[in-house]
Amino acid sequence: MKRLLTVVNHREAMFIIDTRFPRDLFLEPSGGCWIGIDNSTGEARTDPWFNS
């Protein structure tokens, strides 16, 4: 199954992390990196990706 990422701003990202809603995959641009948010299971796991 192919999943798409939704780009969110900082305020939306904090809402997702704080409330664990909605469940999906997200990206937040943050200066020189992107923050990936995997909330597909309601755990709101995050990982940074740095631009090179």
PDB file of N, CA and C in Angstrom:
ATOM      1  N   MET A   1       0.841  -1.176   0.000  1.00  0.00           N
ATOM      2  CA  MET A   1       0.000   0.000   0.000  1.00  0.00           C
ATOM      3  C   MET A   1       0.886   1.239   0.000  1.00  0.00           C
ATOM      4  N   LYS A   2       0.631   2.170  -0.897  1.00  0.00           N
ATOM      5  CA  LYS A   2       1.392   3.401  -1.001  1.00  0.00           C
ATOM      6  C   LYS A   2       0.809   4.450  -0.058  1.00  0.00           C
ATOM      7  N   ARG A   3       1.677   5.087   0.743  1.00  0.00           N
ATOM      8  CA  ARG A   3       1.226   6.114   1.680  1.00  0.00           C
ATOM      9  C   ARG A   3       1.844   7.441   1.285  1.00  0.00           C
ATOM     10  N   LEU A   4       1.085   8.485   1.354  1.00  0.00           N
ATOM     11  CA  LEU A   4       1.567   9.829   1.055  1.00  0.00           C
ATOM     12  C   LEU A   4       1.857  10.576   2.354  1.00  0.00           C
ATOM     13  N   LEU A   5       2.794  11.507   2.277  1.00  0.00           N
ATOM     14  CA  LEU A   5       3.122  12.355   3.418  1.00  0.00           C
ATOM     15  C   LEU A   5       2.386  13.676   3.278  1.00  0.00           C
ATOM     16  N   THR A   6       1.969  14.227   4.377  1.00  0.00           N
ATOM     17  CA  THR A   6       1.326  15.536   4.403  1.00  0.00           C
ATOM     18  C   THR A   6       2.292  16.525   5.025  1.00  0.00           C
ATOM     19  N   VAL A   7       2.554  17.638   4.341  1.00  0.00           N
ATOM     20  CA  VAL A   7       3.428  18.682   4.880  1.00  0.00           C
ATOM     21  C   VAL A   7       2.600  19.557   5.812  1.00  0.00           C
ATOM     22  N   VAL A   8       3.118  19.780   7.029  1.00  0.00           N
ATOM     23  CA  VAL A   8       2.416  20.585   8.033  1.00  0.00           C
ATOM     24  C   VAL A   8       3.343  21.678   8.544  1.00  0.00           C
ATOM     25  N   ASN A   9       2.765  22.741   9.097  1.00  0.00           N
ATOM     26  CA  ASN A   9       3.585  23.786   9.709  1.00  0.00           C
ATOM     27  C   ASN A   9       3.879  23.410  11.164  1.00  0.00           C
ATOM     28  N   HIS A  10       4.656  24.248  11.841  1.00  0.00           N
ATOM     29  CA  HIS A  10       5.090  23.923  13.205  1.00  0.00           C
ATOM     30  C   HIS A  10       3.900  23.787  14.169  1.00  0.00           C
ATOM     31  N   ARG A  11       2.946  24.686  14.061  1.00  0.00           N
ATOM     32  CA  ARG A  11       1.778  24.638  14.952  1.00  0.00           C
ATOM     33  C   ARG A  11       0.984  23.346  14.758  1.00  0.00           C
ATOM     34  N   GLU A  12       0.791  22.959  13.498  1.00  0.00           N
ATOM     35  CA  GLU A  12       0.077  21.711  13.217  1.00  0.00           C
ATOM     36  C   GLU A  12       0.872  20.505  13.715  1.00  0.00           C
ATOM     37  N   ALA A  13       2.198  20.540  13.538  1.00  0.00           N
ATOM     38  CA  ALA A  13       3.047  19.436  13.999  1.00  0.00           C
ATOM     39  C   ALA A  13       2.954  19.274  15.508  1.00  0.00           C
ATOM     40  N   MET A  14       2.994  20.381  16.247  1.00  0.00           N
ATOM     41  CA  MET A  14       2.889  20.305  17.708  1.00  0.00           C
ATOM     42  C   MET A  14       1.526  19.771  18.140  1.00  0.00           C
ATOM     43  N   PHE A  15       0.461  20.142  17.429  1.00  0.00           N
ATOM     44  CA  PHE A  15      -0.869  19.627  17.732  1.00  0.00           C
ATOM     45  C   PHE A  15      -0.908  18.111  17.544  1.00  0.00           C
ATOM     46  N   ILE A  16      -0.322  17.631  16.428  1.00  0.00           N
ATOM     47  CA  ILE A  16      -0.288  16.191  16.143  1.00  0.00           C
ATOM     48  C   ILE A  16       0.479  15.448  17.223  1.00  0.00           C
ATOM     49  N   ILE A  17       1.625  15.976  17.612  1.00  0.00           N
ATOM     50  CA  ILE A  17       2.453  15.331  18.637  1.00  0.00           C
ATOM     51  C   ILE A  17       1.757  15.346  19.997  1.00  0.00           C
ATOM     52  N   ASP A  18       1.135  16.469  20.355  1.00  0.00           N
ATOM     53  CA  ASP A  18       0.478  16.593  21.660  1.00  0.00           C
ATOM     54  C   ASP A  18      -0.792  15.754  21.779  1.00  0.00           C
ATOM     55  N   THR A  19      -1.594  15.717  20.702  1.00  0.00           N
ATOM     56  CA  THR A  19      -2.899  15.057  20.785  1.00  0.00           C
ATOM     57  C   THR A  19      -2.907  13.651  20.184  1.00  0.00           C
ATOM     58  N   ARG A  20      -1.827  13.309  19.423  1.00  0.00           N
ATOM     59  CA  ARG A  20      -1.751  12.014  18.720  1.00  0.00           C
ATOM     60  C   ARG A  20      -2.886  11.866  17.701  1.00  0.00           C
ATOM     61  N   PHE A  21      -3.345  13.010  17.158  1.00  0.00           N
ATOM     62  CA  PHE A  21      -4.420  13.027  16.175  1.00  0.00           C
ATOM     63  C   PHE A  21      -4.102  14.072  15.119  1.00  0.00           C
ATOM     64  N   PRO A  22      -4.366  13.869  13.873  1.00  0.00           N
ATOM     65  CA  PRO A  22      -4.883  12.669  13.224  1.00  0.00           C
ATOM     66  C   PRO A  22      -3.779  11.634  13.004  1.00  0.00           C
ATOM     67  N   ARG A  23      -4.175  10.435  12.719  1.00  0.00           N
ATOM     68  CA  ARG A  23      -3.214   9.356  12.467  1.00  0.00           C
ATOM     69  C   ARG A  23      -2.864   9.331  10.982  1.00  0.00           C
ATOM     70  N   ASP A  24      -1.584   9.547  10.707  1.00  0.00           N
ATOM     71  CA  ASP A  24      -1.089   9.564   9.330  1.00  0.00           C
ATOM     72  C   ASP A  24       0.412   9.821   9.365  1.00  0.00           C
ATOM     73  N   LEU A  25       1.010  10.115   8.218  1.00  0.00           N
ATOM     74  CA  LEU A  25       2.433  10.437   8.100  1.00  0.00           C
ATOM     75  C   LEU A  25       2.563  11.905   7.714  1.00  0.00           C
ATOM     76  N   PHE A  26       3.490  12.626   8.384  1.00  0.00           N
ATOM     77  CA  PHE A  26       3.606  14.064   8.184  1.00  0.00           C
ATOM     78  C   PHE A  26       5.070  14.485   8.059  1.00  0.00           C
ATOM     79  N   LEU A  27       5.292  15.639   7.412  1.00  0.00           N
ATOM     80  CA  LEU A  27       6.602  16.275   7.329  1.00  0.00           C
ATOM     81  C   LEU A  27       6.462  17.728   7.746  1.00  0.00           C
ATOM     82  N   GLU A  28       7.403  18.182   8.565  1.00  0.00           N
ATOM     83  CA  GLU A  28       7.440  19.592   8.959  1.00  0.00           C
ATOM     84  C   GLU A  28       8.779  20.174   8.521  1.00  0.00           C
ATOM     85  N   PRO A  29       8.794  21.202   7.644  1.00  0.00           N
ATOM     86  CA  PRO A  29      10.055  21.859   7.316  1.00  0.00           C
ATOM     87  C   PRO A  29      10.521  22.671   8.520  1.00  0.00           C
ATOM     88  N   SER A  30      11.806  22.532   8.852  1.00  0.00           N
ATOM     89  CA  SER A  30      12.326  23.214  10.032  1.00  0.00           C
ATOM     90  C   SER A  30      13.741  23.698   9.749  1.00  0.00           C
ATOM     91  N   GLY A  31      13.872  24.906   9.223  1.00  0.00           N
ATOM     92  CA  GLY A  31      15.189  25.449   8.918  1.00  0.00           C
ATOM     93  C   GLY A  31      15.902  24.611   7.882  1.00  0.00           C
ATOM     94  N   GLY A  32      17.047  24.028   8.236  1.00  0.00           N
ATOM     95  CA  GLY A  32      17.843  23.231   7.314  1.00  0.00           C
ATOM     96  C   GLY A  32      17.500  21.757   7.318  1.00  0.00           C
ATOM     97  N   CYS A  33      16.387  21.376   7.931  1.00  0.00           N
ATOM     98  CA  CYS A  33      16.025  19.962   7.949  1.00  0.00           C
ATOM     99  C   CYS A  33      14.507  19.802   7.853  1.00  0.00           C
ATOM    100  N   TRP A  34      14.088  18.569   7.722  1.00  0.00           N
ATOM    101  CA  TRP A  34      12.673  18.200   7.744  1.00  0.00           C
ATOM    102  C   TRP A  34      12.473  17.291   8.947  1.00  0.00           C
ATOM    103  N   ILE A  35      11.366  17.460   9.647  1.00  0.00           N
ATOM    104  CA  ILE A  35      11.022  16.586  10.759  1.00  0.00           C
ATOM    105  C   ILE A  35       9.912  15.652  10.274  1.00  0.00           C
ATOM    106  N   GLY A  36      10.195  14.365  10.278  1.00  0.00           N
ATOM    107  CA  GLY A  36       9.194  13.378   9.909  1.00  0.00           C
ATOM    108  C   GLY A  36       8.404  12.962  11.139  1.00  0.00           C
ATOM    109  N   ILE A  37       7.091  12.925  11.022  1.00  0.00           N
ATOM    110  CA  ILE A  37       6.214  12.511  12.124  1.00  0.00           C
ATOM    111  C   ILE A  37       5.409  11.311  11.651  1.00  0.00           C
ATOM    112  N   ASP A  38       5.632  10.176  12.287  1.00  0.00           N
ATOM    113  CA  ASP A  38       4.866   8.968  11.975  1.00  0.00           C
ATOM    114  C   ASP A  38       3.838   8.771  13.076  1.00  0.00           C
ATOM    115  N   ASN A  39       2.618   9.176  12.794  1.00  0.00           N
ATOM    116  CA  ASN A  39       1.541   9.014  13.755  1.00  0.00           C
ATOM    117  C   ASN A  39       0.531   7.992  13.244  1.00  0.00           C
ATOM    118  N   SER A  40       0.993   7.064  12.425  1.00  0.00           N
ATOM    119  CA  SER A  40       0.089   6.064  11.842  1.00  0.00           C
ATOM    120  C   SER A  40      -0.465   5.105  12.893  1.00  0.00           C
ATOM    121  N   THR A  41       0.260   4.949  13.996  1.00  0.00           N
ATOM    122  CA  THR A  41      -0.205   4.055  15.068  1.00  0.00           C
ATOM    123  C   THR A  41      -0.596   4.824  16.332  1.00  0.00           C
ATOM    124  N   GLY A  42      -0.550   6.157  16.271  1.00  0.00           N
ATOM    125  CA  GLY A  42      -0.898   6.976  17.430  1.00  0.00           C
ATOM    126  C   GLY A  42       0.253   7.205  18.384  1.00  0.00           C
ATOM    127  N   GLU A  43       1.491   6.875  17.979  1.00  0.00           N
ATOM    128  CA  GLU A  43       2.659   7.065  18.846  1.00  0.00           C
ATOM    129  C   GLU A  43       3.409   8.356  18.565  1.00  0.00           C
ATOM    130  N   ALA A  44       3.137   9.007  17.443  1.00  0.00           N
ATOM    131  CA  ALA A  44       3.758  10.278  17.050  1.00  0.00           C
ATOM    132  C   ALA A  44       5.287  10.215  17.124  1.00  0.00           C
ATOM    133  N   ARG A  45       5.873   9.197  16.494  1.00  0.00           N
ATOM    134  CA  ARG A  45       7.340   9.087  16.450  1.00  0.00           C
ATOM    135  C   ARG A  45       7.899  10.143  15.510  1.00  0.00           C
ATOM    136  N   THR A  46       9.039  10.737  15.873  1.00  0.00           N
ATOM    137  CA  THR A  46       9.655  11.784  15.056  1.00  0.00           C
ATOM    138  C   THR A  46      11.086  11.416  14.699  1.00  0.00           C
ATOM    139  N   ASP A  47      11.518  11.877  13.514  1.00  0.00           N
ATOM    140  CA  ASP A  47      12.886  11.697  13.032  1.00  0.00           C
ATOM    141  C   ASP A  47      13.269  12.912  12.193  1.00  0.00           C
ATOM    142  N   PRO A  48      14.458  13.499  12.416  1.00  0.00           N
ATOM    143  CA  PRO A  48      14.892  14.617  11.568  1.00  0.00           C
ATOM    144  C   PRO A  48      15.614  14.098  10.318  1.00  0.00           C
ATOM    145  N   TRP A  49      15.438  14.799   9.207  1.00  0.00           N
ATOM    146  CA  TRP A  49      16.203  14.555   7.994  1.00  0.00           C
ATOM    147  C   TRP A  49      16.879  15.856   7.625  1.00  0.00           C
ATOM    148  N   PHE A  50      18.208  15.802   7.505  1.00  0.00           N
ATOM    149  CA  PHE A  50      18.991  17.000   7.214  1.00  0.00           C
ATOM    150  C   PHE A  50      19.281  17.109   5.733  1.00  0.00           C
ATOM    151  N   ASN A  51      19.158  18.335   5.196  1.00  0.00           N
ATOM    152  CA  ASN A  51      19.499  18.582   3.797  1.00  0.00           C
ATOM    153  C   ASN A  51      21.021  18.621   3.679  1.00  0.00           C
ATOM    154  N   SER A  52      21.528  18.067   2.595  1.00  0.00           N
ATOM    155  CA  SER A  52      22.993  18.120   2.423  1.00  0.00           C
ATOM    156  C   SER A  52      23.359  18.914   1.195  1.00  0.00           C
TER     157      SER A  52
END
